[in-house]
């Protein structure tokens, strides 16, 4: 199963890297606009969201928009020793540091922890998505573990080409409530 998932991840990454930069920017903006019009986003006072890493859907503009709208933004910090993830409140991009794999995470000394129940809307990243809400992530399992404790609304942002008919799934995989693409908002549950 692990090898099958890794093969799928590589295939999707290759597909995403084939999107030209201008097209990537345009599609990311369209996905963001669809998010802004979604009732879950409009109602949420606190958003949990990752700092995207190309070629993922760009989240930087979304974070800026959240701040402009007065929404609280929390971003994840992975704890590799325990394989857990915590969210920390982000008020400025200056509160981030580059960690492994060119990822940006909150600096603990400059940010405060956010509890599960303090996040109204969690934007869950992934590489591939099925229309039933299940996703294949980047392989760490951090979000699947976090989602077992999180009770709020979950949304994933995806390019249309990240929607798959089938993905290899395991019993611990956790689905999201909605998937927002440049064309649609797929409401799952």
Protein backbone atom coordinates (compact mmCIF):
# COMPACT_ATOMS: atom_id res chain seq x y z
CA UNK A 1 0.00 0.00 0.00
CA UNK A 2 2.80 2.41 0.94
CA UNK A 3 4.54 1.95 -2.42
CA UNK A 4 1.24 2.33 -4.28
CA UNK A 5 0.56 5.62 -2.45
CA UNK A 6 4.09 6.86 -3.19
CA UNK A 7 3.65 6.07 -6.89
CA UNK A 8 0.36 8.00 -6.95
CA UNK A 9 2.01 10.94 -5.13
CA UNK A 10 4.82 11.12 -7.70
CA UNK A 11 2.35 10.94 -10.59
CA UNK A 12 0.23 13.78 -9.17
CA UNK A 13 3.29 15.95 -8.38
CA UNK A 14 4.46 15.53 -11.98
CA UNK A 15 1.01 16.53 -13.21
CA UNK A 16 0.97 19.62 -10.95
CA UNK A 17 4.45 20.69 -12.06
CA UNK A 18 3.19 20.65 -15.66
CA UNK A 19 0.92 23.64 -14.88
CA UNK A 20 2.61 26.78 -16.20
CA UNK A 21 3.30 29.51 -13.59
CA UNK A 22 0.79 32.03 -15.00
CA UNK A 23 -1.91 29.36 -15.20
CA UNK A 24 -1.07 28.21 -11.65
CA UNK A 25 -1.49 31.78 -10.40
CA UNK A 26 -4.79 32.25 -12.27
CA UNK A 27 -6.23 28.94 -11.06
CA UNK A 28 -5.11 29.60 -7.46
CA UNK A 29 -6.90 32.99 -7.59
CA UNK A 30 -10.08 31.35 -8.91
CA UNK A 31 -9.98 28.72 -6.15
CA UNK A 32 -9.47 31.48 -3.56
CA UNK A 33 -12.48 33.40 -4.96
CA UNK A 34 -14.63 30.26 -4.71
CA UNK A 35 -13.47 29.82 -1.11
CA UNK A 36 -14.37 33.45 -0.25
CA UNK A 37 -17.92 32.87 -1.53
CA UNK A 38 -18.40 29.68 0.48
CA UNK A 39 -20.63 29.98 3.55
CA UNK A 40 -18.20 27.98 5.73
CA UNK A 41 -15.47 30.52 5.03
CA UNK A 42 -17.78 33.52 5.48
CA UNK A 43 -18.98 32.27 8.88
CA UNK A 44 -15.57 31.19 10.22
CA UNK A 45 -13.85 33.55 12.62
CA UNK A 46 -10.76 31.35 12.93
CA UNK A 47 -9.05 29.56 10.03
CA UNK A 48 -6.44 26.80 10.20
CA UNK A 49 -4.40 26.73 6.99
CA UNK A 50 -0.98 25.65 5.74
CA UNK A 51 1.64 27.87 4.18
CA UNK A 52 1.55 26.43 0.67
CA UNK A 53 4.58 25.12 -1.13
CA UNK A 54 4.60 25.27 -4.95
CA UNK A 55 2.95 23.53 -6.84
CA UNK A 56 0.13 23.42 -4.25
CA UNK A 57 -2.76 25.88 -4.51
CA UNK A 58 -1.27 29.18 -3.29
CA UNK A 59 -2.50 30.07 0.21
CA UNK A 60 -0.54 33.32 0.80
CA UNK A 61 -3.23 35.56 -0.69
CA UNK A 62 -5.90 33.65 1.26
CA UNK A 63 -4.03 34.30 4.51
CA UNK A 64 -3.76 38.03 3.68
CA UNK A 65 -7.49 38.13 2.91
CA UNK A 66 -8.28 36.42 6.22
CA UNK A 67 -6.30 39.07 8.09
CA UNK A 68 -8.03 41.87 6.13
CA UNK A 69 -11.41 40.36 7.07
CA UNK A 70 -10.42 40.22 10.73
CA UNK A 71 -10.24 36.43 10.83
CA UNK A 72 -7.76 34.69 13.08
CA UNK A 73 -5.22 32.54 11.17
CA UNK A 74 -3.43 29.53 12.62
CA UNK A 75 -0.81 27.47 10.79
CA UNK A 76 0.54 24.00 11.54
CA UNK A 77 3.78 23.02 13.19
CA UNK A 78 4.79 19.38 12.85
CA UNK A 79 6.33 17.57 15.79
CA UNK A 80 8.32 14.75 14.11
CA UNK A 81 9.24 13.01 17.38
CA UNK A 82 5.59 12.34 18.23
CA UNK A 83 4.28 12.47 14.63
CA UNK A 84 1.74 15.03 15.83
CA UNK A 85 0.84 18.47 14.59
CA UNK A 86 -0.16 21.60 16.49
CA UNK A 87 -1.53 24.89 15.18
CA UNK A 88 -0.12 28.26 16.19
CA UNK A 89 -1.69 31.69 15.64
CA UNK A 90 -0.01 33.64 12.83
CA UNK A 91 -0.27 37.43 12.69
CA UNK A 92 2.60 38.12 10.29
CA UNK A 93 4.70 36.18 7.81
CA UNK A 94 7.70 37.34 9.91
CA UNK A 95 6.61 34.75 12.48
CA UNK A 96 7.61 31.89 10.14
CA UNK A 97 10.83 29.96 9.71
CA UNK A 98 11.94 27.62 6.94
CA UNK A 99 12.16 24.01 8.14
CA UNK A 100 12.70 20.69 6.31
CA UNK A 101 11.58 20.22 2.67
CA UNK A 102 11.40 24.03 2.12
CA UNK A 103 8.31 24.20 4.33
CA UNK A 104 7.49 27.23 6.46
CA UNK A 105 6.27 26.76 10.01
CA UNK A 106 5.48 29.14 12.89
CA UNK A 107 8.31 30.11 15.24
CA UNK A 108 7.21 28.89 18.67
CA UNK A 109 8.69 31.87 20.55
CA UNK A 110 6.77 34.33 18.35
CA UNK A 111 3.38 32.56 18.20
CA UNK A 112 0.81 31.14 20.59
CA UNK A 113 -0.79 27.70 20.42
CA UNK A 114 -4.32 27.28 19.03
CA UNK A 115 -6.47 24.46 20.41
CA UNK A 116 -8.54 22.14 18.16
CA UNK A 117 -11.80 23.73 19.25
CA UNK A 118 -10.55 27.27 18.52
CA UNK A 119 -10.43 26.63 14.75
CA UNK A 120 -13.78 27.09 12.98
CA UNK A 121 -12.56 26.05 9.52
CA UNK A 122 -9.58 23.82 8.77
CA UNK A 123 -8.11 23.93 5.25
CA UNK A 124 -6.62 20.47 4.75
CA UNK A 125 -3.86 20.10 2.15
CA UNK A 126 -3.38 17.10 -0.13
CA UNK A 127 -2.08 15.90 -3.45
CA UNK A 128 -5.03 13.94 -4.76
CA UNK A 129 -8.73 13.97 -3.89
CA UNK A 130 -11.77 11.82 -4.56
CA UNK A 131 -15.26 13.29 -4.73
CA UNK A 132 -16.18 11.40 -1.51
CA UNK A 133 -13.78 13.67 0.42
CA UNK A 134 -10.95 11.23 0.84
CA UNK A 135 -7.49 12.48 -0.02
CA UNK A 136 -3.94 11.38 -0.36
CA UNK A 137 -1.54 13.70 1.42
CA UNK A 138 2.22 14.07 1.39
CA UNK A 139 2.88 10.92 3.37
CA UNK A 140 3.43 12.04 6.96
CA UNK A 141 -0.08 11.25 8.24
CA UNK A 142 -0.06 14.44 10.35
CA UNK A 143 -3.46 15.66 9.15
CA UNK A 144 -5.15 12.26 9.44
CA UNK A 145 -4.01 12.08 13.08
CA UNK A 146 -5.09 15.69 13.74
CA UNK A 147 -8.51 15.14 12.14
CA UNK A 148 -9.36 12.34 14.59
CA UNK A 149 -9.54 15.05 17.32
CA UNK A 150 -10.86 17.96 15.24
CA UNK A 151 -14.66 18.39 15.17
CA UNK A 152 -15.06 21.50 12.96
CA UNK A 153 -15.58 22.11 9.25
CA UNK A 154 -12.88 20.85 6.86
CA UNK A 155 -12.21 22.05 3.32
CA UNK A 156 -9.51 21.14 0.82
CA UNK A 157 -8.38 23.42 -1.99
CA UNK A 158 -7.48 21.61 -5.19
CA UNK A 159 -6.90 22.12 -8.87
CA UNK A 160 -9.46 20.24 -10.95
CA UNK A 161 -6.68 17.94 -12.20
CA UNK A 162 -6.10 16.76 -8.60
CA UNK A 163 -9.54 15.10 -8.55
CA UNK A 164 -9.13 11.36 -9.07
CA UNK A 165 -11.58 8.56 -9.67
CA UNK A 166 -9.70 6.23 -7.29
CA UNK A 167 -6.92 6.61 -4.74
CA UNK A 168 -5.33 3.98 -2.51
CA UNK A 169 -7.01 4.36 0.91
CA UNK A 170 -6.30 2.98 4.36
CA UNK A 171 -8.55 2.62 7.41
CA UNK A 172 -6.98 5.63 9.21
CA UNK A 173 -7.57 8.05 6.28
CA UNK A 174 -9.94 10.90 7.16
CA UNK A 175 -12.24 12.61 4.60
CA UNK A 176 -12.89 16.36 4.34
CA UNK A 177 -16.35 18.01 4.24
CA UNK A 178 -15.81 20.04 1.05
CA UNK A 179 -13.37 20.30 -1.83
CA UNK A 180 -13.04 23.63 -3.60
CA UNK A 181 -11.59 23.72 -7.12
CA UNK A 182 -11.39 26.44 -9.74
CA UNK A 183 -14.72 25.16 -11.18
CA UNK A 184 -16.72 23.84 -8.22
CA UNK A 185 -17.43 23.54 -4.55
CA UNK A 186 -17.98 19.84 -3.87
CA UNK A 187 -20.04 19.40 -0.70
CA UNK A 188 -19.42 15.94 0.67
CA UNK A 189 -21.06 15.81 4.11
